[in-house]
């Protein structure tokens, strides 16, 4: 039982590694996350603001990995154009966009008082 549990962590780490190695959007999100962490340090933001930005980074990465998983599964189902599969892929991409926009709005709310 413990062996299976530990194996699940190995699979999860492999999935994270695959995302960062092969998905260009994940690299973009990684660069953005590093920029956010640097700005947090430079501005000496509060503990609460640190928590908010770290949670948003995690949610964006999670959404991007879910989006990638949906795209890969959809592409495996059929290589032919399919309107329903196209909608599923568009919905997943839309979810990523929504959280990215929310993260940018939160960043503006957090950083603007420090910059004025």
C-alpha atoms as a PDB file:
ATOM      1  CA  UNK A   1       0.000   0.000   0.000  1.00  0.00           C
ATOM      2  CA  UNK A   2       2.767   2.465   0.887  1.00  0.00           C
ATOM      3  CA  UNK A   3       4.642   1.423  -2.257  1.00  0.00           C
ATOM      4  CA  UNK A   4       1.622   2.300  -4.421  1.00  0.00           C
ATOM      5  CA  UNK A   5       1.238   5.601  -2.628  1.00  0.00           C
ATOM      6  CA  UNK A   6       4.883   6.492  -3.187  1.00  0.00           C
ATOM      7  CA  UNK A   7       4.598   5.452  -6.845  1.00  0.00           C
ATOM      8  CA  UNK A   8       1.750   7.935  -7.275  1.00  0.00           C
ATOM      9  CA  UNK A   9       4.128  10.729  -6.253  1.00  0.00           C
ATOM     10  CA  UNK A  10       6.629   9.530  -8.840  1.00  0.00           C
ATOM     11  CA  UNK A  11       3.931   9.640 -11.545  1.00  0.00           C
ATOM     12  CA  UNK A  12       2.858  13.104 -10.426  1.00  0.00           C
ATOM     13  CA  UNK A  13       6.431  14.392 -10.523  1.00  0.00           C
ATOM     14  CA  UNK A  14       6.849  12.886 -13.982  1.00  0.00           C
ATOM     15  CA  UNK A  15       3.725  14.747 -15.104  1.00  0.00           C
ATOM     16  CA  UNK A  16       5.022  18.042 -13.740  1.00  0.00           C
ATOM     17  CA  UNK A  17       8.383  17.408 -15.394  1.00  0.00           C
ATOM     18  CA  UNK A  18       6.716  16.654 -18.738  1.00  0.00           C
ATOM     19  CA  UNK A  19       4.667  19.840 -18.511  1.00  0.00           C
ATOM     20  CA  UNK A  20       7.693  22.048 -17.938  1.00  0.00           C
ATOM     21  CA  UNK A  21       9.853  20.206 -20.451  1.00  0.00           C
ATOM     22  CA  UNK A  22       7.467  20.058 -23.419  1.00  0.00           C
ATOM     23  CA  UNK A  23       4.808  22.734 -22.981  1.00  0.00           C
ATOM     24  CA  UNK A  24       5.929  26.190 -24.033  1.00  0.00           C
ATOM     25  CA  UNK A  25       3.089  27.846 -22.100  1.00  0.00           C
ATOM     26  CA  UNK A  26       4.389  26.260 -18.892  1.00  0.00           C
ATOM     27  CA  UNK A  27       7.787  27.813 -19.537  1.00  0.00           C
ATOM     28  CA  UNK A  28       6.077  31.191 -19.975  1.00  0.00           C
ATOM     29  CA  UNK A  29       4.181  30.663 -16.698  1.00  0.00           C
ATOM     30  CA  UNK A  30       7.438  29.666 -14.983  1.00  0.00           C
ATOM     31  CA  UNK A  31       9.143  32.871 -16.143  1.00  0.00           C
ATOM     32  CA  UNK A  32       6.133  34.900 -14.983  1.00  0.00           C
ATOM     33  CA  UNK A  33       6.185  33.132 -11.606  1.00  0.00           C
ATOM     34  CA  UNK A  34       9.888  33.874 -11.128  1.00  0.00           C
ATOM     35  CA  UNK A  35       9.202  37.527 -12.010  1.00  0.00           C
ATOM     36  CA  UNK A  36       6.404  37.641  -9.419  1.00  0.00           C
ATOM     37  CA  UNK A  37       8.654  36.135  -6.754  1.00  0.00           C
ATOM     38  CA  UNK A  38      11.379  38.682  -7.518  1.00  0.00           C
ATOM     39  CA  UNK A  39       8.900  41.569  -7.373  1.00  0.00           C
ATOM     40  CA  UNK A  40       7.510  40.225  -4.085  1.00  0.00           C
ATOM     41  CA  UNK A  41      11.023  40.250  -2.633  1.00  0.00           C
ATOM     42  CA  UNK A  42      11.885  43.685  -3.993  1.00  0.00           C
ATOM     43  CA  UNK A  43       8.676  45.259  -2.718  1.00  0.00           C
ATOM     44  CA  UNK A  44       8.735  43.343   0.584  1.00  0.00           C
ATOM     45  CA  UNK A  45       5.053  42.484   0.274  1.00  0.00           C
ATOM     46  CA  UNK A  46       3.106  41.257   3.287  1.00  0.00           C
ATOM     47  CA  UNK A  47       2.748  37.624   4.289  1.00  0.00           C
ATOM     48  CA  UNK A  48      -0.853  37.628   3.070  1.00  0.00           C
ATOM     49  CA  UNK A  49       0.185  39.025  -0.299  1.00  0.00           C
ATOM     50  CA  UNK A  50       2.880  36.329  -0.533  1.00  0.00           C
ATOM     51  CA  UNK A  51       0.263  33.667   0.133  1.00  0.00           C
ATOM     52  CA  UNK A  52      -2.099  35.095  -2.479  1.00  0.00           C
ATOM     53  CA  UNK A  53       0.582  35.251  -5.158  1.00  0.00           C
ATOM     54  CA  UNK A  54       1.869  31.747  -4.368  1.00  0.00           C
ATOM     55  CA  UNK A  55      -1.660  30.321  -4.502  1.00  0.00           C
ATOM     56  CA  UNK A  56      -2.302  32.047  -7.816  1.00  0.00           C
ATOM     57  CA  UNK A  57       0.937  30.677  -9.266  1.00  0.00           C
ATOM     58  CA  UNK A  58      -0.126  27.176  -8.215  1.00  0.00           C
ATOM     59  CA  UNK A  59      -3.631  27.595  -9.640  1.00  0.00           C
ATOM     60  CA  UNK A  60      -2.306  28.900 -12.976  1.00  0.00           C
ATOM     61  CA  UNK A  61       0.135  25.988 -13.259  1.00  0.00           C
ATOM     62  CA  UNK A  62      -2.605  23.534 -12.300  1.00  0.00           C
ATOM     63  CA  UNK A  63      -5.003  24.981 -14.888  1.00  0.00           C
ATOM     64  CA  UNK A  64      -2.330  24.814 -17.585  1.00  0.00           C
ATOM     65  CA  UNK A  65      -1.536  21.180 -16.754  1.00  0.00           C
ATOM     66  CA  UNK A  66      -5.256  20.269 -16.818  1.00  0.00           C
ATOM     67  CA  UNK A  67      -5.561  22.063 -20.158  1.00  0.00           C
ATOM     68  CA  UNK A  68      -2.601  20.127 -21.548  1.00  0.00           C
ATOM     69  CA  UNK A  69      -4.020  16.828 -20.277  1.00  0.00           C
ATOM     70  CA  UNK A  70      -7.376  17.528 -21.932  1.00  0.00           C
ATOM     71  CA  UNK A  71      -5.671  18.467 -25.207  1.00  0.00           C
ATOM     72  CA  UNK A  72      -3.543  15.312 -25.200  1.00  0.00           C
ATOM     73  CA  UNK A  73      -6.523  13.080 -24.448  1.00  0.00           C
ATOM     74  CA  UNK A  74      -8.625  14.789 -27.114  1.00  0.00           C
ATOM     75  CA  UNK A  75      -5.864  14.422 -29.690  1.00  0.00           C
ATOM     76  CA  UNK A  76      -5.586  10.741 -28.789  1.00  0.00           C
ATOM     77  CA  UNK A  77      -9.311  10.168 -29.328  1.00  0.00           C
ATOM     78  CA  UNK A  78      -9.203  11.395 -32.923  1.00  0.00           C
ATOM     79  CA  UNK A  79      -6.955  13.358 -35.206  1.00  0.00           C
ATOM     80  CA  UNK A  80      -9.926  14.362 -37.354  1.00  0.00           C
ATOM     81  CA  UNK A  81     -11.597  17.700 -36.663  1.00  0.00           C
ATOM     82  CA  UNK A  82     -14.486  17.223 -34.255  1.00  0.00           C
ATOM     83  CA  UNK A  83     -16.615  20.162 -33.100  1.00  0.00           C
ATOM     84  CA  UNK A  84     -17.216  18.736 -29.603  1.00  0.00           C
ATOM     85  CA  UNK A  85     -13.542  18.010 -29.036  1.00  0.00           C
ATOM     86  CA  UNK A  86     -12.726  21.487 -30.324  1.00  0.00           C
ATOM     87  CA  UNK A  87     -15.173  22.970 -27.823  1.00  0.00           C
ATOM     88  CA  UNK A  88     -13.678  20.920 -24.971  1.00  0.00           C
ATOM     89  CA  UNK A  89     -10.196  22.142 -25.863  1.00  0.00           C
ATOM     90  CA  UNK A  90     -11.414  25.736 -26.172  1.00  0.00           C
ATOM     91  CA  UNK A  91     -13.176  25.527 -22.794  1.00  0.00           C
ATOM     92  CA  UNK A  92     -10.016  24.249 -21.118  1.00  0.00           C
ATOM     93  CA  UNK A  93      -7.955  27.007 -22.735  1.00  0.00           C
ATOM     94  CA  UNK A  94     -10.581  29.531 -21.622  1.00  0.00           C
ATOM     95  CA  UNK A  95     -10.243  28.337 -18.036  1.00  0.00           C
ATOM     96  CA  UNK A  96      -6.506  29.016 -18.176  1.00  0.00           C
ATOM     97  CA  UNK A  97      -7.128  32.481 -19.597  1.00  0.00           C
ATOM     98  CA  UNK A  98      -9.650  33.302 -16.863  1.00  0.00           C
ATOM     99  CA  UNK A  99      -7.264  32.453 -14.027  1.00  0.00           C
ATOM    100  CA  UNK A 100      -4.408  34.277 -15.758  1.00  0.00           C
ATOM    101  CA  UNK A 101      -6.530  37.428 -16.061  1.00  0.00           C
ATOM    102  CA  UNK A 102      -7.567  37.080 -12.412  1.00  0.00           C
ATOM    103  CA  UNK A 103      -3.894  36.682 -11.427  1.00  0.00           C
ATOM    104  CA  UNK A 104      -2.929  39.846 -13.311  1.00  0.00           C
ATOM    105  CA  UNK A 105      -5.773  41.794 -11.670  1.00  0.00           C
ATOM    106  CA  UNK A 106      -4.665  40.529  -8.244  1.00  0.00           C
ATOM    107  CA  UNK A 107      -1.074  41.504  -9.034  1.00  0.00           C
ATOM    108  CA  UNK A 108      -2.198  45.030  -9.913  1.00  0.00           C
ATOM    109  CA  UNK A 109      -4.194  45.282  -6.691  1.00  0.00           C
ATOM    110  CA  UNK A 110      -1.231  44.036  -4.668  1.00  0.00           C
ATOM    111  CA  UNK A 111       1.588  45.958  -6.382  1.00  0.00           C
ATOM    112  CA  UNK A 112       0.034  49.338  -7.227  1.00  0.00           C
ATOM    113  CA  UNK A 113      -0.004  50.633  -3.617  1.00  0.00           C
ATOM    114  CA  UNK A 114       3.708  49.778  -3.304  1.00  0.00           C
ATOM    115  CA  UNK A 115       4.519  51.658  -6.505  1.00  0.00           C
ATOM    116  CA  UNK A 116       2.579  54.856  -5.838  1.00  0.00           C
END
